[in-house]
Protein backbone atom coordinates (compact mmCIF):
# COMPACT_ATOMS: atom_id res chain seq x y z
CA UNK A 1 -24.69 -267.17 -35.17
CA UNK A 2 -22.19 -266.36 -32.45
CA UNK A 3 -24.71 -264.38 -30.47
CA UNK A 4 -26.85 -267.47 -30.30
CA UNK A 5 -24.23 -269.81 -29.15
CA UNK A 6 -22.90 -267.63 -26.32
CA UNK A 7 -25.53 -268.76 -23.79
CA UNK A 8 -27.31 -271.94 -22.86
CA UNK A 9 -30.66 -273.03 -24.40
CA UNK A 10 -33.56 -275.16 -23.16
CA UNK A 11 -36.11 -276.72 -25.49
CA UNK A 12 -39.49 -277.64 -24.13
CA UNK A 13 -40.73 -280.47 -26.38
CA UNK A 14 -37.25 -281.07 -27.85
CA UNK A 15 -38.26 -284.23 -29.70
CA UNK A 16 -40.99 -282.48 -31.86
CA UNK A 17 -40.51 -282.21 -35.55
CA UNK A 18 -40.13 -278.45 -35.42
CA UNK A 19 -38.04 -278.32 -32.31
CA UNK A 20 -35.49 -281.12 -32.83
CA UNK A 21 -33.86 -279.71 -35.97
CA UNK A 22 -33.46 -276.33 -34.38
CA UNK A 23 -31.77 -277.92 -31.28
CA UNK A 24 -29.52 -279.91 -33.67
CA UNK A 25 -28.53 -276.71 -35.55
CA UNK A 26 -27.73 -274.77 -32.38
CA UNK A 27 -25.79 -277.73 -30.88
CA UNK A 28 -23.86 -278.21 -34.21
CA UNK A 29 -22.96 -274.54 -34.07
CA UNK A 30 -21.53 -274.98 -30.68
CA UNK A 31 -24.27 -273.94 -28.20
CA UNK A 32 -25.03 -275.65 -25.04
CA UNK A 33 -28.48 -277.27 -25.41
CA UNK A 34 -30.75 -279.04 -23.11
CA UNK A 35 -34.45 -280.04 -23.14
CA UNK A 36 -37.37 -282.01 -22.00
CA UNK A 37 -40.29 -283.79 -23.74
CA UNK A 38 -43.49 -285.28 -22.59
CA UNK A 39 -43.01 -288.19 -25.04
CA UNK A 40 -39.76 -289.10 -23.35
CA UNK A 41 -41.39 -289.17 -19.97
CA UNK A 42 -44.14 -291.46 -21.48
CA UNK A 43 -41.54 -293.86 -22.81
CA UNK A 44 -42.41 -293.01 -26.49
CA UNK A 45 -39.68 -293.31 -29.24
CA UNK A 46 -36.84 -293.88 -26.61
CA UNK A 47 -34.34 -294.43 -29.40
CA UNK A 48 -34.76 -290.75 -30.60
CA UNK A 49 -34.02 -289.40 -27.10
CA UNK A 50 -31.13 -291.80 -26.62
CA UNK A 51 -29.63 -290.44 -29.88
CA UNK A 52 -30.02 -286.85 -28.70
CA UNK A 53 -28.27 -287.68 -25.49
CA UNK A 54 -25.42 -289.25 -27.43
CA UNK A 55 -24.96 -285.85 -29.08
CA UNK A 56 -24.33 -284.20 -25.58
CA UNK A 57 -27.81 -282.70 -25.36
CA UNK A 58 -28.84 -282.87 -21.71
CA UNK A 59 -32.37 -284.20 -21.36
CA UNK A 60 -34.56 -283.79 -18.30
CA UNK A 61 -37.98 -284.87 -17.15
CA UNK A 62 -40.70 -282.25 -17.90
CA UNK A 63 -40.89 -281.21 -14.30
CA UNK A 64 -38.95 -277.96 -14.40
CA UNK A 65 -35.74 -279.50 -13.08
CA UNK A 66 -33.77 -278.58 -16.21
CA UNK A 67 -34.30 -274.92 -15.79
CA UNK A 68 -31.49 -273.98 -13.45
CA UNK A 69 -30.25 -270.60 -14.61
CA UNK A 70 -31.67 -267.25 -15.75
CA UNK A 71 -29.00 -267.39 -18.45
CA UNK A 72 -30.90 -270.12 -20.24
CA UNK A 73 -33.27 -269.12 -23.04
CA UNK A 74 -36.39 -271.19 -23.05
CA UNK A 75 -37.64 -272.34 -26.44
CA UNK A 76 -41.27 -273.47 -26.53
CA UNK A 77 -44.03 -273.50 -29.11
CA UNK A 78 -46.87 -271.03 -28.88
CA UNK A 79 -49.12 -273.91 -27.95
CA UNK A 80 -47.30 -274.78 -24.72
CA UNK A 81 -49.60 -274.01 -21.73
CA UNK A 82 -48.31 -271.47 -19.09
CA UNK A 83 -48.80 -274.18 -16.40
CA UNK A 84 -46.12 -276.48 -17.89
CA UNK A 85 -43.42 -276.73 -15.18
CA UNK A 86 -40.67 -275.38 -17.49
CA UNK A 87 -42.70 -272.40 -18.19
CA UNK A 88 -43.43 -271.75 -14.48
CA UNK A 89 -39.75 -272.27 -13.49
CA UNK A 90 -38.55 -269.97 -16.31
CA UNK A 91 -40.83 -267.20 -15.17
CA UNK A 92 -39.65 -267.63 -11.68
CA UNK A 93 -36.01 -267.14 -12.66
CA UNK A 94 -36.72 -264.55 -15.25
CA UNK A 95 -35.37 -266.56 -18.25
CA UNK A 96 -35.74 -265.04 -21.67
CA UNK A 97 -38.25 -266.99 -23.82
CA UNK A 98 -38.48 -267.47 -27.61
CA UNK A 99 -41.03 -269.42 -29.63
CA UNK A 100 -39.80 -272.02 -32.10
CA UNK A 101 -40.68 -269.76 -34.90
CA UNK A 102 -39.01 -266.75 -33.47
CA UNK A 103 -35.76 -268.68 -33.17
CA UNK A 104 -36.06 -270.06 -36.64
CA UNK A 105 -36.82 -266.60 -38.06
CA UNK A 106 -33.75 -265.20 -36.36
CA UNK A 107 -31.55 -267.93 -37.91
CA UNK A 108 -33.03 -267.71 -41.42
CA UNK A 109 -33.12 -263.97 -41.52
CA UNK A 110 -29.49 -263.58 -40.47
CA UNK A 111 -28.34 -265.84 -43.36
CA UNK A 112 -26.96 -264.00 -46.50
CA UNK A 113 -29.12 -266.43 -48.59
CA UNK A 114 -32.25 -267.41 -46.73
CA UNK A 115 -34.60 -269.71 -48.77
CA UNK A 116 -38.02 -270.04 -47.03
CA UNK A 117 -40.34 -272.79 -48.34
CA UNK A 118 -43.98 -271.93 -47.85
CA UNK A 119 -47.38 -273.33 -48.91
CA UNK A 120 -50.08 -275.50 -47.48
CA UNK A 121 -48.61 -278.78 -48.74
CA UNK A 122 -45.21 -280.14 -49.79
CA UNK A 123 -43.02 -277.85 -47.71
CA UNK A 124 -40.86 -280.63 -46.16
CA UNK A 125 -40.15 -282.32 -49.43
CA UNK A 126 -39.36 -279.05 -51.29
CA UNK A 127 -37.08 -278.12 -48.37
CA UNK A 128 -35.36 -281.47 -48.67
CA UNK A 129 -34.93 -281.17 -52.43
CA UNK A 130 -33.73 -277.53 -52.32
CA UNK A 131 -31.27 -278.33 -49.46
CA UNK A 132 -29.96 -281.18 -51.41
CA UNK A 133 -29.55 -279.21 -54.59
CA UNK A 134 -27.64 -276.54 -52.68
CA UNK A 135 -25.38 -279.24 -51.03
CA UNK A 136 -24.65 -280.87 -54.40
CA UNK A 137 -23.90 -277.38 -55.81
CA UNK A 138 -21.18 -276.95 -53.18
CA UNK A 139 -23.03 -274.13 -51.31
CA UNK A 140 -22.72 -275.93 -47.91
CA UNK A 141 -26.23 -275.08 -46.71
CA UNK A 142 -27.79 -275.31 -43.30
CA UNK A 143 -31.14 -277.12 -43.72
CA UNK A 144 -33.99 -277.03 -41.25
CA UNK A 145 -36.64 -279.57 -42.06
CA UNK A 146 -39.67 -281.00 -40.21
CA UNK A 147 -38.99 -284.50 -41.59
CA UNK A 148 -35.98 -286.87 -41.61
CA UNK A 149 -34.00 -286.49 -44.84
CA UNK A 150 -32.85 -289.82 -46.09
CA UNK A 151 -29.79 -288.40 -47.84
CA UNK A 152 -28.35 -287.49 -44.47
CA UNK A 153 -29.37 -290.53 -42.45
CA UNK A 154 -26.42 -292.49 -41.14
CA UNK A 155 -25.89 -294.96 -38.23
CA UNK A 156 -24.88 -292.05 -36.08
CA UNK A 157 -27.64 -289.81 -37.46
CA UNK A 158 -30.83 -291.75 -37.55
CA UNK A 159 -33.07 -288.76 -37.14
CA UNK A 160 -31.49 -286.35 -39.68
CA UNK A 161 -33.97 -283.50 -39.91
CA UNK A 162 -31.25 -280.94 -39.97
CA UNK A 163 -27.91 -280.26 -41.70
CA UNK A 164 -25.48 -277.71 -40.27
CA UNK A 165 -23.42 -275.94 -42.87
CA UNK A 166 -21.22 -272.89 -43.10
CA UNK A 167 -21.82 -271.56 -46.59
CA UNK A 168 -24.24 -268.68 -45.78
CA UNK A 169 -27.32 -270.53 -47.18
CA UNK A 170 -30.17 -271.40 -44.84
CA UNK A 171 -33.02 -273.54 -46.30
CA UNK A 172 -36.08 -274.01 -44.25
CA UNK A 173 -39.79 -274.70 -44.43
CA UNK A 174 -41.85 -272.01 -42.80
CA UNK A 175 -45.25 -272.55 -41.25
CA UNK A 176 -48.47 -270.51 -41.85
CA UNK A 177 -50.68 -272.43 -39.46
CA UNK A 178 -49.87 -270.30 -36.51
CA UNK A 179 -49.30 -267.10 -38.42
CA UNK A 180 -45.57 -267.16 -37.84
CA UNK A 181 -44.78 -267.04 -41.48
CA UNK A 182 -45.02 -263.20 -40.92
CA UNK A 183 -41.72 -263.27 -39.05
CA UNK A 184 -39.53 -264.30 -42.07
CA UNK A 185 -37.63 -261.99 -44.34
CA UNK A 186 -36.01 -264.43 -46.86
CA UNK A 187 -33.94 -263.66 -49.89
CA UNK A 188 -35.98 -266.40 -51.74
CA UNK A 189 -39.64 -267.25 -50.87
CA UNK A 190 -41.33 -270.27 -52.29
CA UNK A 191 -45.08 -270.55 -52.57
CA UNK A 192 -46.14 -274.04 -53.56
CA UNK A 193 -49.99 -273.87 -53.06
CA UNK A 194 -52.66 -272.19 -50.94
CA UNK A 195 -55.52 -274.23 -49.76
CA UNK A 196 -57.64 -275.04 -46.64
CA UNK A 197 -55.73 -276.33 -43.69
CA UNK A 198 -55.40 -274.65 -40.25
CA UNK A 199 -56.75 -271.17 -41.32
CA UNK A 200 -59.46 -269.73 -43.63
CA UNK A 201 -58.53 -268.99 -47.13
CA UNK A 202 -58.88 -265.17 -46.49
CA UNK A 203 -56.25 -265.39 -43.67
CA UNK A 204 -54.01 -267.55 -45.83
CA UNK A 205 -54.10 -265.09 -48.73
CA UNK A 206 -53.07 -262.32 -46.46
CA UNK A 207 -50.19 -264.19 -44.88
CA UNK A 208 -48.82 -265.65 -48.15
CA UNK A 209 -49.21 -262.39 -50.02
CA UNK A 210 -47.19 -260.53 -47.37
CA UNK A 211 -44.61 -263.37 -47.37
CA UNK A 212 -44.01 -262.99 -51.10
CA UNK A 213 -43.71 -259.22 -50.80
CA UNK A 214 -40.95 -259.40 -48.20
CA UNK A 215 -38.65 -261.61 -50.27
CA UNK A 216 -36.19 -260.35 -52.89
CA UNK A 217 -37.40 -262.97 -55.30
CA UNK A 218 -40.39 -265.41 -55.20
CA UNK A 219 -40.76 -268.85 -56.74
CA UNK A 220 -44.48 -269.26 -57.39
CA UNK A 221 -46.52 -272.21 -58.51
CA UNK A 222 -48.43 -271.19 -61.69
CA UNK A 223 -50.51 -274.33 -61.60
CA UNK A 224 -52.19 -273.10 -58.45
CA UNK A 225 -54.77 -270.36 -59.03
CA UNK A 226 -54.50 -269.03 -55.59
CA UNK A 227 -50.75 -268.74 -55.83
CA UNK A 228 -50.99 -267.06 -59.23
CA UNK A 229 -53.32 -264.49 -57.76
CA UNK A 230 -50.79 -263.61 -55.17
CA UNK A 231 -47.80 -263.43 -57.58
CA UNK A 232 -48.18 -259.68 -58.20
CA UNK A 233 -47.31 -259.06 -54.56
CA UNK A 234 -43.82 -260.32 -55.23
CA UNK A 235 -40.92 -257.96 -56.11
CA UNK A 236 -39.55 -260.53 -58.60
CA UNK A 237 -41.03 -263.86 -59.71
CA UNK A 238 -39.65 -267.20 -60.88
CA UNK A 239 -42.65 -269.10 -61.94
CA UNK A 240 -42.96 -272.85 -62.21
CA UNK A 241 -45.66 -275.43 -63.18
CA UNK A 242 -46.42 -278.74 -64.76
CA UNK A 243 -49.39 -277.58 -66.80
CA UNK A 244 -48.92 -273.82 -67.02
CA UNK A 245 -47.84 -272.60 -70.42
CA UNK A 246 -46.81 -269.31 -68.77
CA UNK A 247 -44.38 -270.87 -66.18
CA UNK A 248 -40.82 -270.01 -66.74
CA UNK A 249 -39.69 -273.41 -65.56
CA UNK A 250 -41.95 -276.19 -66.73
CA UNK A 251 -42.31 -279.71 -68.10
CA UNK A 252 -42.04 -280.64 -71.74
CA UNK A 253 -45.42 -281.79 -72.94
CA UNK A 254 -45.74 -285.58 -73.09
CA UNK A 255 -42.49 -286.24 -71.29
CA UNK A 256 -43.89 -287.22 -67.87
CA UNK A 257 -43.61 -291.03 -67.24
CA UNK A 258 -44.78 -292.19 -63.86
CA UNK A 259 -43.68 -295.38 -62.15
CA UNK A 260 -44.74 -296.89 -58.85
CA UNK A 261 -41.55 -295.84 -57.16
CA UNK A 262 -40.40 -292.90 -59.28
CA UNK A 263 -40.83 -290.71 -62.34
CA UNK A 264 -39.06 -289.12 -65.25
CA UNK A 265 -39.67 -285.90 -67.21
CA UNK A 266 -37.99 -283.29 -69.27
CA UNK A 267 -37.63 -279.94 -67.41
CA UNK A 268 -37.66 -276.84 -69.57
CA UNK A 269 -36.12 -273.41 -68.70
CA UNK A 270 -38.29 -271.28 -70.97
CA UNK A 271 -36.25 -268.19 -70.34
CA UNK A 272 -33.34 -269.48 -72.41
CA UNK A 273 -34.94 -272.47 -74.27
CA UNK A 274 -32.76 -275.10 -72.51
CA UNK A 275 -33.93 -278.46 -71.25
CA UNK A 276 -32.69 -281.18 -68.85
CA UNK A 277 -33.82 -284.79 -68.16
CA UNK A 278 -35.09 -285.35 -64.59
CA UNK A 279 -35.23 -288.75 -63.00
CA UNK A 280 -36.81 -288.80 -59.57
CA UNK A 281 -36.53 -291.65 -57.09
CA UNK A 282 -39.80 -290.51 -55.48
CA UNK A 283 -43.22 -291.18 -57.16
CA UNK A 284 -46.23 -289.02 -57.80
CA UNK A 285 -47.19 -286.00 -59.83
CA UNK A 286 -47.14 -283.97 -56.69
CA UNK A 287 -43.45 -284.74 -56.28
CA UNK A 288 -42.87 -283.47 -59.82
CA UNK A 289 -44.52 -280.17 -58.66
CA UNK A 290 -42.19 -280.27 -55.51
CA UNK A 291 -39.13 -280.77 -57.75
CA UNK A 292 -40.11 -277.83 -59.88
CA UNK A 293 -40.48 -275.59 -56.84
CA UNK A 294 -37.09 -276.65 -55.56
CA UNK A 295 -35.49 -276.09 -58.93
CA UNK A 296 -37.07 -272.64 -59.15
CA UNK A 297 -35.94 -271.78 -55.59
CA UNK A 298 -32.34 -272.84 -56.24
CA UNK A 299 -32.30 -271.06 -59.63
CA UNK A 300 -33.42 -267.90 -57.91
CA UNK A 301 -30.38 -268.38 -55.52
CA UNK A 302 -27.98 -268.75 -58.48
CA UNK A 303 -27.85 -272.47 -59.32
CA UNK A 304 -28.29 -273.30 -63.03
CA UNK A 305 -31.53 -275.28 -63.79
CA UNK A 306 -29.55 -278.10 -65.45
CA UNK A 307 -27.30 -278.52 -62.34
CA UNK A 308 -30.38 -278.51 -60.14
CA UNK A 309 -32.12 -281.09 -62.19
CA UNK A 310 -29.03 -283.34 -62.12
CA UNK A 311 -28.78 -283.05 -58.33
CA UNK A 312 -32.37 -284.31 -57.77
CA UNK A 313 -31.50 -287.56 -59.54
CA UNK A 314 -29.79 -288.65 -56.26
CA UNK A 315 -32.53 -287.16 -53.93
CA UNK A 316 -33.51 -290.07 -51.73
CA UNK A 317 -36.66 -288.68 -50.25
CA UNK A 318 -37.96 -288.15 -46.82
CA UNK A 319 -39.12 -290.37 -44.05
CA UNK A 320 -42.95 -290.58 -43.83
CA UNK A 321 -43.37 -289.00 -47.25
CA UNK A 322 -44.71 -291.89 -49.32
CA UNK A 323 -42.10 -294.03 -47.62
CA UNK A 324 -42.31 -297.62 -48.97
CA UNK A 325 -41.40 -299.75 -45.98
CA UNK A 326 -41.56 -302.96 -47.80
CA UNK A 327 -43.76 -305.78 -49.39
CA UNK A 328 -44.76 -308.89 -47.51
CA UNK A 329 -44.19 -312.48 -48.83
CA UNK A 330 -47.87 -312.48 -49.70
CA UNK A 331 -47.38 -309.37 -51.94
CA UNK A 332 -48.92 -306.70 -49.59
CA UNK A 333 -47.07 -303.41 -49.64
CA UNK A 334 -46.94 -301.10 -46.65
CA UNK A 335 -46.40 -297.33 -47.06
CA UNK A 336 -45.79 -294.76 -44.30
CA UNK A 337 -47.03 -291.23 -45.10
CA UNK A 338 -47.48 -287.89 -43.51
CA UNK A 339 -50.75 -287.11 -45.26
CA UNK A 340 -53.06 -285.35 -42.88
CA UNK A 341 -54.83 -282.49 -44.71
CA UNK A 342 -57.02 -282.84 -47.85
CA UNK A 343 -54.26 -281.81 -50.30
CA UNK A 344 -51.65 -284.08 -48.82
CA UNK A 345 -54.09 -287.12 -48.46
CA UNK A 346 -55.32 -286.52 -52.14
CA UNK A 347 -51.78 -286.45 -53.47
CA UNK A 348 -50.83 -289.73 -51.70
CA UNK A 349 -54.02 -291.60 -52.69
CA UNK A 350 -53.76 -290.24 -56.29
CA UNK A 351 -50.13 -291.65 -56.43
CA UNK A 352 -51.45 -295.05 -55.26
CA UNK A 353 -54.40 -295.09 -57.64
CA UNK A 354 -52.14 -294.42 -60.69
CA UNK A 355 -51.17 -298.08 -60.41
CA UNK A 356 -53.12 -301.34 -59.98
CA UNK A 357 -54.11 -302.81 -56.71
CA UNK A 358 -56.62 -302.25 -53.90
CA UNK A 359 -55.86 -299.42 -51.42
CA UNK A 360 -56.40 -299.85 -47.65
CA UNK A 361 -55.97 -296.27 -46.20
CA UNK A 362 -55.42 -296.15 -42.49
CA UNK A 363 -55.87 -292.60 -41.15
CA UNK A 364 -55.11 -291.32 -37.76
CA UNK A 365 -56.37 -287.61 -37.44
CA UNK A 366 -53.70 -285.34 -35.97
CA UNK A 367 -56.07 -283.64 -33.52
CA UNK A 368 -59.74 -282.94 -32.70
CA UNK A 369 -59.54 -279.30 -33.72
CA UNK A 370 -58.06 -280.00 -37.21
CA UNK A 371 -60.70 -282.64 -37.71
CA UNK A 372 -63.45 -280.17 -37.07
CA UNK A 373 -61.72 -277.68 -39.33
CA UNK A 374 -61.29 -279.87 -42.39
CA UNK A 375 -63.39 -282.93 -41.66
CA UNK A 376 -65.84 -282.46 -44.66
CA UNK A 377 -63.03 -281.90 -47.06
CA UNK A 378 -61.11 -284.97 -45.79
CA UNK A 379 -64.21 -287.23 -46.09
CA UNK A 380 -64.87 -285.96 -49.62
CA UNK A 381 -61.11 -286.61 -50.53
CA UNK A 382 -61.21 -290.26 -49.43
CA UNK A 383 -64.65 -290.84 -51.08
CA UNK A 384 -63.59 -289.19 -54.40
CA UNK A 385 -60.04 -290.46 -54.90
CA UNK A 386 -60.53 -294.10 -53.70
CA UNK A 387 -62.47 -296.62 -55.67
CA UNK A 388 -65.40 -298.97 -54.75
CA UNK A 389 -62.95 -301.86 -53.76
CA UNK A 390 -60.79 -299.59 -51.65
CA UNK A 391 -61.46 -298.92 -47.95
CA UNK A 392 -60.50 -296.30 -45.39
CA UNK A 393 -60.03 -297.11 -41.70
CA UNK A 394 -59.90 -294.51 -38.97
CA UNK A 395 -58.98 -294.68 -35.40
CA UNK A 396 -59.45 -291.96 -32.73
CA UNK A 397 -57.45 -288.68 -33.15
CA UNK A 398 -54.15 -288.01 -31.57
CA UNK A 399 -54.67 -286.78 -28.03
CA UNK A 400 -51.74 -286.10 -25.66
CA UNK A 401 -53.82 -284.32 -22.89
CA UNK A 402 -55.19 -280.85 -22.51
CA UNK A 403 -58.68 -279.26 -22.63
CA UNK A 404 -59.57 -279.56 -26.33
CA UNK A 405 -63.19 -280.35 -27.20
CA UNK A 406 -63.33 -284.05 -27.95
CA UNK A 407 -67.11 -284.22 -28.69
CA UNK A 408 -66.64 -284.86 -32.46
CA UNK A 409 -64.17 -287.46 -33.56
CA UNK A 410 -63.46 -290.02 -36.23
CA UNK A 411 -66.89 -291.56 -36.19
CA UNK A 412 -68.12 -288.35 -37.92
CA UNK A 413 -65.63 -288.59 -40.69
CA UNK A 414 -66.55 -292.26 -41.30
CA UNK A 415 -70.16 -291.17 -41.61
CA UNK A 416 -69.34 -288.37 -43.98
CA UNK A 417 -67.16 -290.70 -46.20
CA UNK A 418 -70.22 -293.11 -46.39
CA UNK A 419 -72.54 -290.25 -47.26
CA UNK A 420 -70.11 -289.15 -50.08
CA UNK A 421 -70.16 -292.68 -51.63
CA UNK A 422 -66.98 -294.05 -50.13
CA UNK A 423 -66.20 -297.10 -47.86
CA UNK A 424 -64.86 -296.54 -44.33
CA UNK A 425 -64.80 -298.14 -40.95
CA UNK A 426 -64.17 -296.58 -37.50
CA UNK A 427 -62.18 -298.65 -35.02
CA UNK A 428 -61.43 -296.60 -31.89
CA UNK A 429 -57.95 -298.07 -30.92
CA UNK A 430 -55.00 -298.00 -33.28
CA UNK A 431 -53.98 -301.51 -32.10
CA UNK A 432 -57.41 -302.90 -33.04
CA UNK A 433 -57.12 -301.12 -36.42
CA UNK A 434 -53.93 -303.10 -37.04
CA UNK A 435 -55.70 -306.33 -36.26
CA UNK A 436 -58.60 -305.30 -38.68
CA UNK A 437 -56.26 -304.39 -41.48
CA UNK A 438 -54.35 -307.71 -41.18
CA UNK A 439 -57.61 -309.49 -41.23
CA UNK A 440 -58.89 -308.00 -44.48
CA UNK A 441 -55.53 -307.51 -46.37
CA UNK A 442 -55.00 -309.73 -49.41
CA UNK A 443 -52.24 -310.15 -52.01
CA UNK A 444 -51.62 -307.12 -54.18
CA UNK A 445 -53.03 -304.63 -51.70
CA UNK A 446 -51.21 -301.41 -50.85
CA UNK A 447 -51.75 -300.36 -47.24
CA UNK A 448 -50.94 -296.64 -46.51
CA UNK A 449 -50.57 -295.47 -42.93
CA UNK A 450 -51.36 -291.73 -42.83
CA UNK A 451 -51.31 -289.12 -40.01
CA UNK A 452 -49.17 -286.49 -38.37
CA UNK A 453 -47.89 -285.28 -34.93
CA UNK A 454 -47.24 -288.84 -33.77
CA UNK A 455 -43.76 -290.44 -34.33
CA UNK A 456 -45.10 -293.93 -33.28
CA UNK A 457 -47.06 -294.17 -36.56
CA UNK A 458 -43.88 -295.45 -38.21
CA UNK A 459 -43.49 -298.15 -35.60
CA UNK A 460 -47.21 -298.99 -36.24
CA UNK A 461 -46.63 -299.37 -39.94
CA UNK A 462 -43.48 -301.52 -39.43
CA UNK A 463 -45.30 -303.76 -37.00
CA UNK A 464 -48.10 -304.10 -39.58
CA UNK A 465 -45.55 -305.12 -42.26
CA UNK A 466 -44.11 -307.65 -39.83
CA UNK A 467 -47.53 -309.06 -39.03
CA UNK A 468 -48.30 -309.51 -42.68
CA UNK A 469 -45.02 -311.15 -43.59
């Protein structure tokens, strides 16, 4: 990594979920790192930016003033407009530029053991699990995550979405939504599932198939038909699955026991006939699938199955992934969750519906574009998984500015949920949604706050819990 630490870096949007851990990894390796963020200028999540400054990352207003030398490499996502002041100033000075994905690919591809976690859903959780297994196995991994990993949260690291290690292992989720998954050449590739999100299925099949083909070994979910169909593209496969009888790493029939805050199961390594008892502190069948993916990935990198299973017993989970914030004195539980596409939303709601109690699902769409792309599927998911007593409440989508078409919003989704037989309400402002939820909540309810691309959703969920207490 010495070639990356020999010159200064500037991150445009340094507080973003994909940018912040990369900035932390470079800073932890000794690089000089600075950045700007529109959210900081708007006064959003000030505690995050104060923490970054405490780590000697120099933060500037997003007005171009932080770009002072042509020696700086500007890191910006592909979505950043050319008119953003940092972009303008970097062009004027002739600064080199890298996208977030290009920098991540350079880091992962350079590692002796790069483990890339791909798939439409579950990437952050599998990354956290695989990273924790590698840590507990003494492999001293570097971990790049899009979510805060609770195992690494401390008073001096409240936003621990990265771990800087020196063991030659680099574990990271990789994104298909912008096509950047094509940049990665991992030793181990993980494919958890393939389903509609930001791209068409045809595009996803090509991207994920090529991803598997570039890896030395691929861990593939044999419960997912789309993933199974792509498995022949891989050079070598370690298969996993809850239901698949063909999976190399699976679950002993009848051994799964689900609880409201965790689960247990017997994990079988069918290659040698061994078995190990898994006890997870995170709930839901989808998290059992995530655990199998992490076990398969780490096995492909040389960690025995039993050792991986044992390590997961102390995995604490991720912030905003079915994150139970608490239960009010009146018996109303509030859960913070990242669910934003049909698969993620369905997994979260199914976990809630596996246990008694009415569900109030608050959903803030993560953009107008994604809402148009997957609106019908989202509406069908809410209507299908939730029952007649449950209710979905939507506010307006996230909008931080720009020229996106805002002609179709949450009202359409509420209408589609109703047409599919579900119950839903549209309340334009999030603040008014909080008031509406507090008005209708009753003892025994589970309130889940769902959405992506907005760090303030956690504060909204915590405020809701306080209001109900």
